[in-house]
Protein backbone atom coordinates (compact mmCIF):
# COMPACT_ATOMS: atom_id res chain seq x y z
CA UNK A 1 -1.11 -13.12 -14.70
CA UNK A 2 0.33 -11.06 -11.88
CA UNK A 3 2.52 -9.19 -14.35
CA UNK A 4 -0.45 -8.29 -16.57
CA UNK A 5 -2.43 -7.10 -13.57
CA UNK A 6 0.45 -5.02 -12.27
CA UNK A 7 1.00 -3.38 -15.63
CA UNK A 8 -2.65 -2.41 -15.79
CA UNK A 9 -2.59 -0.99 -12.28
CA UNK A 10 0.62 0.87 -13.07
CA UNK A 11 -1.25 2.65 -15.84
CA UNK A 12 -4.41 3.32 -13.86
CA UNK A 13 -3.00 4.16 -10.44
CA UNK A 14 0.63 5.03 -10.77
CA UNK A 15 0.69 7.43 -13.70
CA UNK A 16 2.18 10.87 -13.13
CA UNK A 17 -0.87 12.51 -11.55
CA UNK A 18 -3.06 10.59 -13.97
CA UNK A 19 -5.70 9.67 -11.44
CA UNK A 20 -5.76 12.89 -9.43
CA UNK A 21 -8.87 14.42 -10.97
CA UNK A 22 -10.38 17.67 -9.75
CA UNK A 23 -14.08 18.04 -8.96
CA UNK A 24 -16.08 19.52 -11.83
CA UNK A 25 -15.40 23.25 -12.04
CA UNK A 26 -18.15 25.87 -11.95
CA UNK A 27 -19.26 27.18 -15.32
CA UNK A 28 -17.27 30.39 -14.83
CA UNK A 29 -14.02 28.54 -14.12
CA UNK A 30 -11.81 26.77 -16.63
CA UNK A 31 -9.13 24.17 -16.04
CA UNK A 32 -6.50 26.74 -16.98
CA UNK A 33 -7.77 29.34 -14.49
CA UNK A 34 -8.14 27.02 -11.49
CA UNK A 35 -5.31 27.49 -8.95
CA UNK A 36 -3.05 24.45 -9.13
CA UNK A 37 -2.60 24.27 -5.34
CA UNK A 38 -6.27 24.61 -4.42
CA UNK A 39 -6.95 21.87 -1.82
CA UNK A 40 -9.44 19.24 -2.90
CA UNK A 41 -9.53 17.44 0.45
CA UNK A 42 -9.04 18.17 4.18
CA UNK A 43 -5.37 17.08 3.90
CA UNK A 44 -5.40 15.91 7.50
CA UNK A 45 -3.10 12.88 7.05
CA UNK A 46 0.14 13.99 5.37
CA UNK A 47 3.23 11.82 4.93
CA UNK A 48 6.89 12.51 4.27
CA UNK A 49 8.46 9.11 3.61
CA UNK A 50 11.97 7.90 2.79
CA UNK A 51 12.34 4.22 1.89
CA UNK A 52 15.06 1.94 0.54
CA UNK A 53 14.48 -1.28 -1.39
CA UNK A 54 17.06 -4.06 -1.03
CA UNK A 55 16.26 -6.75 -3.62
CA UNK A 56 18.94 -9.03 -2.20
CA UNK A 57 16.99 -9.52 1.03
CA UNK A 58 13.60 -8.50 -0.43
CA UNK A 59 13.25 -5.86 2.25
CA UNK A 60 12.15 -2.26 2.51
CA UNK A 61 13.42 -0.04 5.31
CA UNK A 62 11.70 3.26 5.83
CA UNK A 63 11.19 6.35 7.91
CA UNK A 64 8.09 8.51 7.81
CA UNK A 65 6.87 11.71 9.40
CA UNK A 66 3.11 11.80 9.68
CA UNK A 67 1.41 15.15 10.19
CA UNK A 68 -2.10 14.30 11.37
CA UNK A 69 -4.99 16.55 12.34
CA UNK A 70 -7.93 15.40 14.43
CA UNK A 71 -10.94 16.28 12.27
CA UNK A 72 -13.45 14.56 14.54
CA UNK A 73 -15.39 16.31 17.31
CA UNK A 74 -13.89 14.14 20.06
CA UNK A 75 -10.39 14.03 21.60
CA UNK A 76 -8.30 10.87 21.31
CA UNK A 77 -5.69 9.56 23.77
CA UNK A 78 -4.44 6.87 21.35
CA UNK A 79 -3.33 6.59 17.76
CA UNK A 80 -4.10 3.54 15.63
CA UNK A 81 -2.18 2.39 12.59
CA UNK A 82 -2.62 -0.26 9.92
CA UNK A 83 0.30 -2.66 9.45
CA UNK A 84 -1.09 -4.50 6.45
CA UNK A 85 2.00 -6.58 5.65
CA UNK A 86 1.57 -8.50 8.91
CA UNK A 87 -1.38 -10.26 7.27
CA UNK A 88 1.27 -12.53 5.73
CA UNK A 89 3.50 -12.86 8.78
CA UNK A 90 2.26 -16.37 9.57
CA UNK A 91 -0.75 -18.61 9.09
CA UNK A 92 -2.40 -17.33 12.29
CA UNK A 93 -3.22 -13.89 10.91
CA UNK A 94 -6.88 -13.01 10.47
CA UNK A 95 -6.41 -12.53 6.71
CA UNK A 96 -4.98 -15.99 6.17
CA UNK A 97 -7.47 -17.64 8.52
CA UNK A 98 -10.35 -16.05 6.65
CA UNK A 99 -8.87 -16.98 3.27
CA UNK A 100 -8.83 -20.63 4.31
CA UNK A 101 -12.40 -20.47 5.65
CA UNK A 102 -13.65 -18.79 2.47
CA UNK A 103 -12.53 -21.70 0.34
CA UNK A 104 -10.14 -19.46 -1.60
CA UNK A 105 -7.13 -20.51 0.42
CA UNK A 106 -5.14 -22.48 -2.11
CA UNK A 107 -1.82 -23.93 -1.04
CA UNK A 108 -0.21 -22.99 2.25
CA UNK A 109 2.41 -20.25 1.71
CA UNK A 110 5.94 -21.58 1.46
CA UNK A 111 8.88 -20.37 3.56
CA UNK A 112 9.92 -17.77 0.99
CA UNK A 113 6.40 -16.39 0.56
CA UNK A 114 5.97 -14.70 3.94
CA UNK A 115 6.13 -10.96 4.49
CA UNK A 116 5.86 -8.67 7.48
CA UNK A 117 6.38 -5.17 8.83
CA UNK A 118 8.13 -4.29 12.10
CA UNK A 119 7.98 -0.82 13.64
CA UNK A 120 11.41 -0.19 15.14
CA UNK A 121 10.82 3.29 16.54
CA UNK A 122 7.90 5.65 17.00
CA UNK A 123 8.27 9.14 18.41
CA UNK A 124 6.03 12.14 18.96
CA UNK A 125 7.77 15.20 17.52
CA UNK A 126 7.62 18.47 19.44
CA UNK A 127 8.50 17.18 22.90
CA UNK A 128 11.91 16.26 24.29
CA UNK A 129 13.40 13.06 22.87
CA UNK A 130 12.98 11.01 26.05
CA UNK A 131 9.31 11.86 26.49
CA UNK A 132 8.62 11.69 22.77
CA UNK A 133 9.75 8.08 22.34
CA UNK A 134 6.64 5.90 22.65
CA UNK A 135 8.06 2.75 21.02
CA UNK A 136 7.71 0.61 24.14
CA UNK A 137 4.04 1.51 24.42
CA UNK A 138 2.94 0.16 21.05
CA UNK A 139 0.64 -2.83 21.21
CA UNK A 140 -1.33 -4.91 18.76
CA UNK A 141 -5.10 -4.98 19.02
CA UNK A 142 -7.79 -7.00 17.27
CA UNK A 143 -10.99 -4.95 17.46
CA UNK A 144 -12.75 -7.10 14.87
CA UNK A 145 -12.30 -10.70 15.97
CA UNK A 146 -10.12 -10.72 19.11
CA UNK A 147 -7.38 -12.71 17.34
CA UNK A 148 -4.37 -12.13 19.60
CA UNK A 149 -2.05 -13.51 16.90
CA UNK A 150 -3.07 -10.82 14.43
CA UNK A 151 -0.72 -7.83 14.15
CA UNK A 152 -2.36 -5.75 11.45
CA UNK A 153 -3.55 -2.97 13.81
CA UNK A 154 -1.11 -1.15 16.09
CA UNK A 155 -2.27 1.13 18.90
CA UNK A 156 -0.09 3.72 20.62
CA UNK A 157 -1.24 5.36 23.90
CA UNK A 158 -0.35 9.05 24.23
CA UNK A 159 0.63 11.14 27.25
CA UNK A 160 -1.90 13.78 26.28
CA UNK A 161 -5.08 13.57 24.23
CA UNK A 162 -5.19 15.17 20.79
CA UNK A 163 -8.07 17.65 20.85
CA UNK A 164 -10.50 18.23 17.96
CA UNK A 165 -8.78 20.42 15.38
CA UNK A 166 -5.32 19.81 16.90
CA UNK A 167 -2.36 18.60 14.82
CA UNK A 168 0.28 16.09 15.93
CA UNK A 169 3.54 15.06 14.23
CA UNK A 170 4.67 11.44 14.52
CA UNK A 171 7.94 9.93 13.28
CA UNK A 172 7.95 6.20 12.58
CA UNK A 173 10.85 3.98 11.51
CA UNK A 174 10.13 0.50 10.22
CA UNK A 175 11.46 -2.44 8.25
CA UNK A 176 9.53 -4.95 6.24
CA UNK A 177 9.93 -8.00 4.10
CA UNK A 178 8.06 -7.90 0.83
CA UNK A 179 5.88 -11.03 0.48
CA UNK A 180 5.13 -13.23 -2.46
CA UNK A 181 2.20 -11.51 -4.22
CA UNK A 182 -0.92 -11.43 -2.06
CA UNK A 183 -3.88 -9.06 -2.43
CA UNK A 184 -2.34 -6.53 -4.84
CA UNK A 185 1.15 -6.37 -3.38
CA UNK A 186 4.35 -8.39 -3.46
CA UNK A 187 7.44 -9.38 -5.43
CA UNK A 188 8.32 -12.02 -8.00
CA UNK A 189 12.01 -12.23 -8.88
CA UNK A 190 13.03 -8.62 -9.59
CA UNK A 191 9.52 -7.25 -10.11
CA UNK A 192 8.08 -5.34 -7.12
CA UNK A 193 4.58 -3.98 -6.73
CA UNK A 194 4.04 -2.31 -3.36
CA UNK A 195 0.64 -1.26 -2.03
CA UNK A 196 -0.41 -0.69 1.61
CA UNK A 197 3.28 -1.01 2.41
CA UNK A 198 3.92 1.54 5.18
CA UNK A 199 2.51 2.18 8.69
CA UNK A 200 -0.71 4.01 7.88
CA UNK A 201 -2.92 5.83 10.35
CA UNK A 202 -6.58 4.85 10.60
CA UNK A 203 -9.54 7.21 10.35
CA UNK A 204 -10.76 8.84 13.56
CA UNK A 205 -14.51 9.43 13.51
CA UNK A 206 -16.66 11.04 16.18
CA UNK A 207 -17.63 7.54 17.37
CA UNK A 208 -13.99 6.43 17.66
CA UNK A 209 -11.31 4.88 15.49
CA UNK A 210 -12.30 3.31 12.18
CA UNK A 211 -9.18 1.17 11.91
CA UNK A 212 -10.10 -2.42 11.17
CA UNK A 213 -7.85 -5.44 10.99
CA UNK A 214 -6.90 -6.60 7.51
CA UNK A 215 -9.77 -8.90 6.52
CA UNK A 216 -9.79 -10.96 3.35
CA UNK A 217 -13.15 -9.53 2.19
CA UNK A 218 -12.75 -5.84 3.05
CA UNK A 219 -11.21 -2.89 1.27
CA UNK A 220 -9.06 0.02 2.45
CA UNK A 221 -10.28 3.23 4.11
CA UNK A 222 -8.05 6.23 4.83
CA UNK A 223 -7.91 10.00 5.14
CA UNK A 224 -6.65 12.21 2.30
CA UNK A 225 -3.48 14.25 2.38
CA UNK A 226 -0.18 15.02 0.67
CA UNK A 227 2.58 12.48 0.07
CA UNK A 228 6.22 13.55 -0.27
CA UNK A 229 8.13 10.31 -0.88
CA UNK A 230 11.75 9.44 -1.68
CA UNK A 231 12.38 5.90 -2.92
CA UNK A 232 15.91 4.51 -3.18
CA UNK A 233 16.32 1.53 -5.54
CA UNK A 234 19.21 -0.04 -7.47
CA UNK A 235 20.49 2.23 -10.23
CA UNK A 236 18.93 1.44 -13.59
CA UNK A 237 15.64 0.23 -12.14
CA UNK A 238 12.47 1.88 -13.46
CA UNK A 239 10.12 3.25 -10.83
CA UNK A 240 6.44 4.08 -11.14
CA UNK A 241 4.61 5.71 -8.25
CA UNK A 242 1.65 7.78 -7.20
CA UNK A 243 2.01 11.42 -8.22
CA UNK A 244 4.69 13.26 -10.13
CA UNK A 245 8.41 12.53 -10.06
CA UNK A 246 10.04 15.79 -9.05
CA UNK A 247 13.66 14.72 -9.30
CA UNK A 248 16.04 11.79 -9.05
CA UNK A 249 19.56 11.55 -7.70
CA UNK A 250 22.25 8.92 -8.22
CA UNK A 251 23.87 7.88 -4.93
CA UNK A 252 27.49 6.86 -4.36
CA UNK A 253 26.50 3.31 -3.43
CA UNK A 254 25.09 2.43 -6.85
CA UNK A 255 21.49 3.32 -6.11
CA UNK A 256 19.14 6.05 -7.31
CA UNK A 257 16.69 8.02 -5.20
CA UNK A 258 13.40 8.94 -6.90
CA UNK A 259 11.40 11.82 -5.39
CA UNK A 260 7.62 11.70 -5.90
CA UNK A 261 4.97 14.13 -4.70
CA UNK A 262 1.18 14.25 -4.83
CA UNK A 263 -1.64 16.11 -3.10
CA UNK A 264 -5.17 15.10 -2.12
CA UNK A 265 -4.75 11.32 -2.34
CA UNK A 266 -5.41 8.73 0.34
CA UNK A 267 -2.63 6.28 -0.44
CA UNK A 268 0.75 5.91 -2.13
CA UNK A 269 1.68 2.83 -4.17
CA UNK A 270 4.74 2.10 -6.27
CA UNK A 271 6.41 -0.43 -8.52
CA UNK A 272 10.06 -1.02 -9.41
CA UNK A 273 11.90 -3.33 -11.80
CA UNK A 274 14.86 -3.25 -14.20
CA UNK A 275 12.95 -5.22 -16.82
CA UNK A 276 9.92 -3.18 -17.85
CA UNK A 277 9.17 -1.24 -21.02
CA UNK A 278 8.05 2.36 -20.49
CA UNK A 279 5.57 4.14 -22.78
CA UNK A 280 4.19 7.67 -22.38
CA UNK A 281 1.28 9.57 -23.91
CA UNK A 282 -0.62 12.78 -23.14
CA UNK A 283 -4.39 13.25 -23.03
CA UNK A 284 -5.58 16.75 -23.91
CA UNK A 285 -9.05 18.29 -24.18
CA UNK A 286 -9.93 22.01 -24.33
CA UNK A 287 -12.22 21.85 -21.26
CA UNK A 288 -10.29 19.37 -19.13
CA UNK A 289 -6.92 19.33 -17.37
CA UNK A 290 -4.23 17.51 -19.37
CA UNK A 291 -3.34 14.04 -18.16
CA UNK A 292 0.09 12.47 -18.51
CA UNK A 293 -0.25 8.73 -19.15
CA UNK A 294 2.59 6.38 -18.31
CA UNK A 295 2.53 2.65 -18.96
CA UNK A 296 5.08 0.27 -17.43
CA UNK A 297 4.76 -3.13 -19.08
CA UNK A 298 6.71 -6.31 -18.57
CA UNK A 299 8.49 -7.47 -21.72
């Protein structure tokens, strides 16, 4: 069942720009005349990510540079990030507690089912390296239920507040273990489907941070931006991801790095496996932008 679901999502979400649809153009504008780079969102949360998948240990190690602009009308002296994979770190997380209370709990996860994400370094770019390193300041907060065992929201105090309209650059290194499939993400054997998989900044509103813990009955909320992502996987594996694959490069260690890019989206998801069948098609209509369709289906 998980494989069928993942194949469907690969078609709907991970096609090469398939789901990046422009707002309806004015009557005087055609799809062909619209500038390709015209922003369709504020682009205030932009990510450059490099990540490596190791199927042997079922881990992903990554490094990201977040370029974030404060679009609220209030300054902030902290940054808050979602660490969604910590929902499956242990049975004390808010997500797993709520799943049990909802009656949808099922069996307790086994030893090999758990997943997590650990931030190993976080640094503010643009100041000297000593002052920019804020790793020791990070703390876990539980603004929703006060669960001190929950680690799905990380807060980082800053030396100086980020003013309205100001931009800050943050570099984050992390490692994670991919869980058994929970809530639209996970791995079974050599099939990986990764959603909400990286440290992701919350949304700052004028009333404060909208950055909730990972609850079993809530969905995801994030700012829009550009994603420039390089994924390194074993050579021969097929990768599907948000956006368009710009290039790929075979590495000396028997892996391949796939470079994907997309604008005006609020998340980046991907899938990888050596055992999927790939099919492509193209949708065309005289008054609409063409759409490249890509289906990755388990045999």
